[in-house]
Amino acid sequence: MSDDCIFCKIIAGQIPAKIEYQDDDILVFHDITPQAPLHLLIIPKKHITNLNEIRTENADIISKIFTQIPKLAFQFEISEKGYRVVNNCGKDGGQTVFHLHFHMLGGRHLEWPPG
């Protein structure tokens, strides 16, 4: 856990969140500033700053996250119409919280390019 990381504080229960799923390794919760009718954040419980810190010894978390995503899509009934999964890596990539996370957006038509 990183003491100054908002997502680590959510994991620790120090900051409330609307949680949709959690297990020993990952946490899924609603974004507080949603950009679509459904906007979930999927994060590892272990603090990993961003994709640049993925190594062989922690790569299994990516598999676990991406195995959970289709289950969430079915749960929220967006699997047929479609959804977007986004990761921002680093400042120039738009990352604002430096704890690895994936945005899952759905429930409306999403334009391209995103920004």
N, C-alpha and C. Protein backbone atom coordinates (compact mmCIF):
# COMPACT_ATOMS: atom_id res chain seq x y z
N MET A 1 0.84 -1.18 0.00
CA MET A 1 0.00 0.00 0.00
C MET A 1 0.88 1.24 0.00
N SER A 2 0.48 2.20 -0.80
CA SER A 2 1.14 3.49 -0.82
C SER A 2 0.33 4.46 0.04
N ASP A 3 0.96 5.12 0.98
CA ASP A 3 0.25 5.98 1.93
C ASP A 3 -0.49 7.15 1.29
N ASP A 4 0.01 7.63 0.15
CA ASP A 4 -0.62 8.80 -0.46
C ASP A 4 -1.48 8.44 -1.68
N CYS A 5 -1.77 7.17 -1.88
CA CYS A 5 -2.54 6.71 -3.05
C CYS A 5 -4.01 6.59 -2.68
N ILE A 6 -4.86 7.32 -3.40
CA ILE A 6 -6.29 7.29 -3.13
C ILE A 6 -6.88 5.89 -3.34
N PHE A 7 -6.40 5.16 -4.34
CA PHE A 7 -6.92 3.81 -4.58
C PHE A 7 -6.50 2.85 -3.47
N CYS A 8 -5.29 3.00 -2.95
CA CYS A 8 -4.87 2.18 -1.81
C CYS A 8 -5.74 2.47 -0.59
N LYS A 9 -6.14 3.72 -0.43
CA LYS A 9 -7.02 4.08 0.68
C LYS A 9 -8.41 3.49 0.49
N ILE A 10 -8.89 3.41 -0.74
CA ILE A 10 -10.17 2.76 -1.02
C ILE A 10 -10.07 1.28 -0.70
N ILE A 11 -9.00 0.64 -1.12
CA ILE A 11 -8.78 -0.78 -0.83
C ILE A 11 -8.77 -1.03 0.68
N ALA A 12 -8.14 -0.14 1.42
CA ALA A 12 -8.03 -0.28 2.88
C ALA A 12 -9.33 0.08 3.60
N GLY A 13 -10.32 0.60 2.88
CA GLY A 13 -11.58 0.99 3.50
C GLY A 13 -11.54 2.36 4.17
N GLN A 14 -10.49 3.13 3.92
CA GLN A 14 -10.35 4.46 4.51
C GLN A 14 -11.17 5.51 3.76
N ILE A 15 -11.47 5.23 2.49
CA ILE A 15 -12.30 6.11 1.66
C ILE A 15 -13.42 5.24 1.10
N PRO A 16 -14.67 5.70 1.22
CA PRO A 16 -15.79 4.89 0.72
C PRO A 16 -15.83 4.84 -0.81
N ALA A 17 -16.35 3.75 -1.32
CA ALA A 17 -16.55 3.58 -2.76
C ALA A 17 -17.73 2.65 -2.96
N LYS A 18 -18.39 2.82 -4.11
CA LYS A 18 -19.48 1.91 -4.47
C LYS A 18 -18.85 0.71 -5.17
N ILE A 19 -18.63 -0.34 -4.39
CA ILE A 19 -17.91 -1.52 -4.86
C ILE A 19 -18.87 -2.49 -5.54
N GLU A 20 -18.46 -2.98 -6.70
CA GLU A 20 -19.24 -3.97 -7.45
C GLU A 20 -18.68 -5.38 -7.32
N TYR A 21 -17.38 -5.48 -7.14
CA TYR A 21 -16.75 -6.81 -7.05
C TYR A 21 -15.41 -6.66 -6.36
N GLN A 22 -15.06 -7.69 -5.61
CA GLN A 22 -13.70 -7.77 -5.09
C GLN A 22 -13.38 -9.20 -4.74
N ASP A 23 -12.10 -9.51 -4.83
CA ASP A 23 -11.59 -10.79 -4.36
C ASP A 23 -10.24 -10.50 -3.71
N ASP A 24 -9.42 -11.49 -3.53
CA ASP A 24 -8.14 -11.27 -2.87
C ASP A 24 -7.19 -10.38 -3.66
N ASP A 25 -7.40 -10.30 -4.98
CA ASP A 25 -6.43 -9.62 -5.85
C ASP A 25 -6.91 -8.35 -6.52
N ILE A 26 -8.21 -8.25 -6.79
CA ILE A 26 -8.71 -7.08 -7.53
C ILE A 26 -9.93 -6.47 -6.86
N LEU A 27 -10.17 -5.21 -7.21
CA LEU A 27 -11.31 -4.46 -6.71
C LEU A 27 -11.94 -3.73 -7.89
N VAL A 28 -13.27 -3.75 -7.96
CA VAL A 28 -14.01 -3.06 -9.01
C VAL A 28 -15.00 -2.12 -8.33
N PHE A 29 -14.96 -0.85 -8.72
CA PHE A 29 -15.85 0.13 -8.13
C PHE A 29 -16.22 1.20 -9.15
N HIS A 30 -17.28 1.94 -8.85
CA HIS A 30 -17.77 2.98 -9.74
C HIS A 30 -16.90 4.23 -9.65
N ASP A 31 -16.62 4.82 -10.81
CA ASP A 31 -15.88 6.08 -10.86
C ASP A 31 -16.76 7.19 -10.28
N ILE A 32 -16.18 8.08 -9.50
CA ILE A 32 -16.98 9.15 -8.89
C ILE A 32 -17.30 10.28 -9.88
N THR A 33 -16.62 10.31 -11.01
CA THR A 33 -16.93 11.27 -12.08
C THR A 33 -17.14 10.50 -13.38
N PRO A 34 -18.27 9.79 -13.47
CA PRO A 34 -18.48 8.90 -14.63
C PRO A 34 -18.54 9.65 -15.96
N GLN A 35 -17.94 9.02 -16.96
CA GLN A 35 -17.93 9.56 -18.32
C GLN A 35 -18.89 8.82 -19.23
N ALA A 36 -19.64 7.90 -18.68
CA ALA A 36 -20.64 7.11 -19.40
C ALA A 36 -21.64 6.60 -18.36
N PRO A 37 -22.81 6.13 -18.80
CA PRO A 37 -23.77 5.59 -17.82
C PRO A 37 -23.17 4.51 -16.92
N LEU A 38 -22.29 3.70 -17.49
CA LEU A 38 -21.52 2.75 -16.68
C LEU A 38 -20.06 3.14 -16.78
N HIS A 39 -19.44 3.41 -15.65
CA HIS A 39 -18.01 3.75 -15.63
C HIS A 39 -17.42 3.11 -14.38
N LEU A 40 -16.82 1.95 -14.58
CA LEU A 40 -16.19 1.21 -13.49
C LEU A 40 -14.68 1.37 -13.56
N LEU A 41 -14.05 1.27 -12.41
CA LEU A 41 -12.60 1.21 -12.32
C LEU A 41 -12.24 -0.18 -11.81
N ILE A 42 -11.30 -0.81 -12.47
CA ILE A 42 -10.85 -2.16 -12.11
C ILE A 42 -9.38 -2.03 -11.74
N ILE A 43 -9.05 -2.38 -10.50
CA ILE A 43 -7.69 -2.16 -10.01
C ILE A 43 -7.15 -3.40 -9.29
N PRO A 44 -5.82 -3.57 -9.33
CA PRO A 44 -5.23 -4.61 -8.48
C PRO A 44 -5.19 -4.10 -7.04
N LYS A 45 -5.33 -4.99 -6.10
CA LYS A 45 -5.23 -4.58 -4.69
C LYS A 45 -3.78 -4.30 -4.29
N LYS A 46 -2.86 -4.93 -4.96
CA LYS A 46 -1.44 -4.64 -4.72
C LYS A 46 -1.10 -3.37 -5.49
N HIS A 47 -0.40 -2.45 -4.84
CA HIS A 47 -0.05 -1.20 -5.51
C HIS A 47 0.97 -1.46 -6.63
N ILE A 48 0.53 -1.17 -7.84
CA ILE A 48 1.38 -1.18 -9.03
C ILE A 48 1.14 0.19 -9.66
N THR A 49 2.16 0.96 -9.90
CA THR A 49 2.00 2.34 -10.35
C THR A 49 1.31 2.43 -11.71
N ASN A 50 1.79 1.67 -12.69
CA ASN A 50 1.18 1.69 -14.02
C ASN A 50 1.67 0.48 -14.82
N LEU A 51 1.29 0.42 -16.08
CA LEU A 51 1.66 -0.74 -16.91
C LEU A 51 3.16 -0.93 -17.02
N ASN A 52 3.93 0.13 -16.87
CA ASN A 52 5.39 0.01 -16.95
C ASN A 52 5.98 -0.85 -15.84
N GLU A 53 5.21 -1.10 -14.78
CA GLU A 53 5.69 -1.94 -13.68
C GLU A 53 5.24 -3.39 -13.79
N ILE A 54 4.60 -3.77 -14.88
CA ILE A 54 4.19 -5.16 -15.06
C ILE A 54 5.43 -5.98 -15.42
N ARG A 55 5.63 -7.03 -14.66
CA ARG A 55 6.75 -7.95 -14.85
C ARG A 55 6.20 -9.37 -14.86
N THR A 56 7.01 -10.32 -15.19
CA THR A 56 6.59 -11.72 -15.22
C THR A 56 5.98 -12.13 -13.88
N GLU A 57 6.56 -11.68 -12.79
CA GLU A 57 6.09 -12.09 -11.47
C GLU A 57 4.75 -11.46 -11.05
N ASN A 58 4.30 -10.39 -11.74
CA ASN A 58 3.00 -9.81 -11.37
C ASN A 58 2.02 -9.73 -12.56
N ALA A 59 2.39 -10.31 -13.68
CA ALA A 59 1.56 -10.24 -14.89
C ALA A 59 0.24 -10.99 -14.75
N ASP A 60 0.15 -11.92 -13.82
CA ASP A 60 -1.09 -12.67 -13.64
C ASP A 60 -2.25 -11.78 -13.24
N ILE A 61 -1.97 -10.62 -12.64
CA ILE A 61 -3.04 -9.71 -12.26
C ILE A 61 -3.75 -9.16 -13.48
N ILE A 62 -3.03 -8.95 -14.57
CA ILE A 62 -3.65 -8.45 -15.81
C ILE A 62 -4.62 -9.49 -16.34
N SER A 63 -4.22 -10.74 -16.32
CA SER A 63 -5.10 -11.83 -16.76
C SER A 63 -6.36 -11.88 -15.89
N LYS A 64 -6.18 -11.75 -14.60
CA LYS A 64 -7.33 -11.80 -13.70
C LYS A 64 -8.29 -10.64 -13.95
N ILE A 65 -7.74 -9.46 -14.16
CA ILE A 65 -8.57 -8.29 -14.46
C ILE A 65 -9.35 -8.51 -15.76
N PHE A 66 -8.66 -8.97 -16.80
CA PHE A 66 -9.32 -9.12 -18.09
C PHE A 66 -10.23 -10.35 -18.15
N THR A 67 -10.12 -11.24 -17.21
CA THR A 67 -11.08 -12.34 -17.08
C THR A 67 -12.36 -11.84 -16.41
N GLN A 68 -12.23 -10.86 -15.53
CA GLN A 68 -13.39 -10.31 -14.83
C GLN A 68 -14.21 -9.37 -15.72
N ILE A 69 -13.57 -8.69 -16.65
CA ILE A 69 -14.25 -7.69 -17.48
C ILE A 69 -15.47 -8.26 -18.22
N PRO A 70 -15.39 -9.39 -18.93
CA PRO A 70 -16.59 -9.89 -19.61
C PRO A 70 -17.71 -10.26 -18.63
N LYS A 71 -17.36 -10.70 -17.44
CA LYS A 71 -18.38 -11.01 -16.43
C LYS A 71 -19.12 -9.73 -16.03
N LEU A 72 -18.39 -8.65 -15.89
CA LEU A 72 -19.01 -7.37 -15.57
C LEU A 72 -19.89 -6.89 -16.72
N ALA A 73 -19.42 -7.08 -17.94
CA ALA A 73 -20.21 -6.68 -19.12
C ALA A 73 -21.55 -7.41 -19.15
N PHE A 74 -21.55 -8.69 -18.85
CA PHE A 74 -22.81 -9.45 -18.79
C PHE A 74 -23.66 -8.98 -17.61
N GLN A 75 -23.04 -8.76 -16.47
CA GLN A 75 -23.77 -8.31 -15.28
C GLN A 75 -24.51 -7.00 -15.54
N PHE A 76 -23.86 -6.07 -16.23
CA PHE A 76 -24.45 -4.77 -16.49
C PHE A 76 -25.16 -4.68 -17.85
N GLU A 77 -25.29 -5.82 -18.51
CA GLU A 77 -26.04 -5.95 -19.76
C GLU A 77 -25.53 -5.02 -20.86
N ILE A 78 -24.20 -4.94 -20.99
CA ILE A 78 -23.60 -4.14 -22.05
C ILE A 78 -22.76 -5.00 -23.00
N SER A 79 -22.76 -6.30 -22.77
CA SER A 79 -21.90 -7.18 -23.57
C SER A 79 -22.32 -7.21 -25.03
N GLU A 80 -23.60 -7.11 -25.32
CA GLU A 80 -24.07 -7.19 -26.71
C GLU A 80 -23.85 -5.89 -27.47
N LYS A 81 -24.18 -4.77 -26.86
CA LYS A 81 -24.05 -3.47 -27.54
C LYS A 81 -22.60 -3.00 -27.60
N GLY A 82 -21.82 -3.34 -26.59
CA GLY A 82 -20.41 -2.98 -26.59
C GLY A 82 -20.00 -2.06 -25.45
N TYR A 83 -18.71 -1.99 -25.25
CA TYR A 83 -18.13 -1.19 -24.17
C TYR A 83 -16.67 -0.93 -24.50
N ARG A 84 -16.05 -0.08 -23.72
CA ARG A 84 -14.64 0.27 -23.93
C ARG A 84 -13.88 0.05 -22.64
N VAL A 85 -12.66 -0.46 -22.76
CA VAL A 85 -11.74 -0.61 -21.63
C VAL A 85 -10.52 0.25 -21.95
N VAL A 86 -10.17 1.14 -21.01
CA VAL A 86 -9.10 2.11 -21.23
C VAL A 86 -8.10 2.05 -20.09
N ASN A 87 -6.82 2.18 -20.45
CA ASN A 87 -5.77 2.35 -19.45
C ASN A 87 -4.95 3.55 -19.86
N ASN A 88 -4.73 4.46 -18.94
CA ASN A 88 -3.87 5.62 -19.17
C ASN A 88 -2.56 5.37 -18.44
N CYS A 89 -1.45 5.48 -19.16
CA CYS A 89 -0.14 5.19 -18.58
C CYS A 89 0.75 6.42 -18.64
N GLY A 90 1.06 6.95 -17.48
CA GLY A 90 1.93 8.11 -17.38
C GLY A 90 1.19 9.42 -17.62
N LYS A 91 1.86 10.53 -17.27
CA LYS A 91 1.23 11.85 -17.38
C LYS A 91 0.75 12.15 -18.79
N ASP A 92 1.61 11.96 -19.78
CA ASP A 92 1.21 12.27 -21.16
C ASP A 92 0.13 11.32 -21.67
N GLY A 93 -0.01 10.17 -21.05
CA GLY A 93 -1.06 9.23 -21.41
C GLY A 93 -2.37 9.53 -20.71
N GLY A 94 -2.38 10.55 -19.86
CA GLY A 94 -3.60 10.96 -19.17
C GLY A 94 -3.80 10.33 -17.81
N GLN A 95 -2.78 9.64 -17.28
CA GLN A 95 -2.93 9.02 -15.96
C GLN A 95 -2.91 10.09 -14.88
N THR A 96 -3.94 10.10 -14.03
CA THR A 96 -4.02 11.07 -12.94
C THR A 96 -3.91 10.42 -11.56
N VAL A 97 -4.26 9.15 -11.46
CA VAL A 97 -4.05 8.39 -10.23
C VAL A 97 -2.99 7.34 -10.54
N PHE A 98 -1.88 7.40 -9.83
CA PHE A 98 -0.74 6.54 -10.15
C PHE A 98 -0.79 5.23 -9.39
N HIS A 99 -1.86 4.50 -9.68
CA HIS A 99 -2.11 3.12 -9.25
C HIS A 99 -2.76 2.49 -10.47
N LEU A 100 -2.18 1.41 -10.96
CA LEU A 100 -2.69 0.76 -12.18
C LEU A 100 -4.20 0.59 -12.10
N HIS A 101 -4.89 1.04 -13.14
CA HIS A 101 -6.34 0.88 -13.19
C HIS A 101 -6.83 0.89 -14.63
N PHE A 102 -7.95 0.25 -14.81
CA PHE A 102 -8.60 0.18 -16.11
C PHE A 102 -10.00 0.76 -15.97
N HIS A 103 -10.36 1.62 -16.89
CA HIS A 103 -11.70 2.18 -16.94
C HIS A 103 -12.54 1.29 -17.84
N MET A 104 -13.73 0.92 -17.39
CA MET A 104 -14.68 0.17 -18.21
C MET A 104 -15.88 1.08 -18.40
N LEU A 105 -16.11 1.48 -19.66
CA LEU A 105 -17.17 2.43 -19.99
C LEU A 105 -18.19 1.78 -20.90
N GLY A 106 -19.47 2.02 -20.64
CA GLY A 106 -20.52 1.48 -21.48
C GLY A 106 -21.85 2.12 -21.18
N GLY A 107 -22.86 1.68 -21.91
CA GLY A 107 -24.21 2.19 -21.70
C GLY A 107 -24.60 3.30 -22.65
N ARG A 108 -23.70 3.68 -23.55
CA ARG A 108 -23.99 4.67 -24.59
C ARG A 108 -23.02 4.45 -25.74
N HIS A 109 -23.30 5.09 -26.87
CA HIS A 109 -22.37 5.02 -28.00
C HIS A 109 -21.13 5.84 -27.66
N LEU A 110 -19.96 5.23 -27.79
CA LEU A 110 -18.70 5.90 -27.47
C LEU A 110 -18.03 6.34 -28.76
N GLU A 111 -17.65 7.59 -28.84
CA GLU A 111 -17.04 8.17 -30.05
C GLU A 111 -15.55 7.83 -30.13
N TRP A 112 -14.99 8.01 -31.32
CA TRP A 112 -13.57 7.83 -31.54
C TRP A 112 -13.09 8.94 -32.47
N PRO A 113 -11.98 9.58 -32.26
CA PRO A 113 -11.02 9.31 -31.18
C PRO A 113 -11.51 9.85 -29.85
N PRO A 114 -11.01 9.23 -28.76
CA PRO A 114 -11.49 9.58 -27.43
C PRO A 114 -10.99 10.93 -26.91
N GLY A 115 -9.88 11.45 -27.42
CA GLY A 115 -9.43 12.74 -26.90
C GLY A 115 -8.02 12.87 -26.93
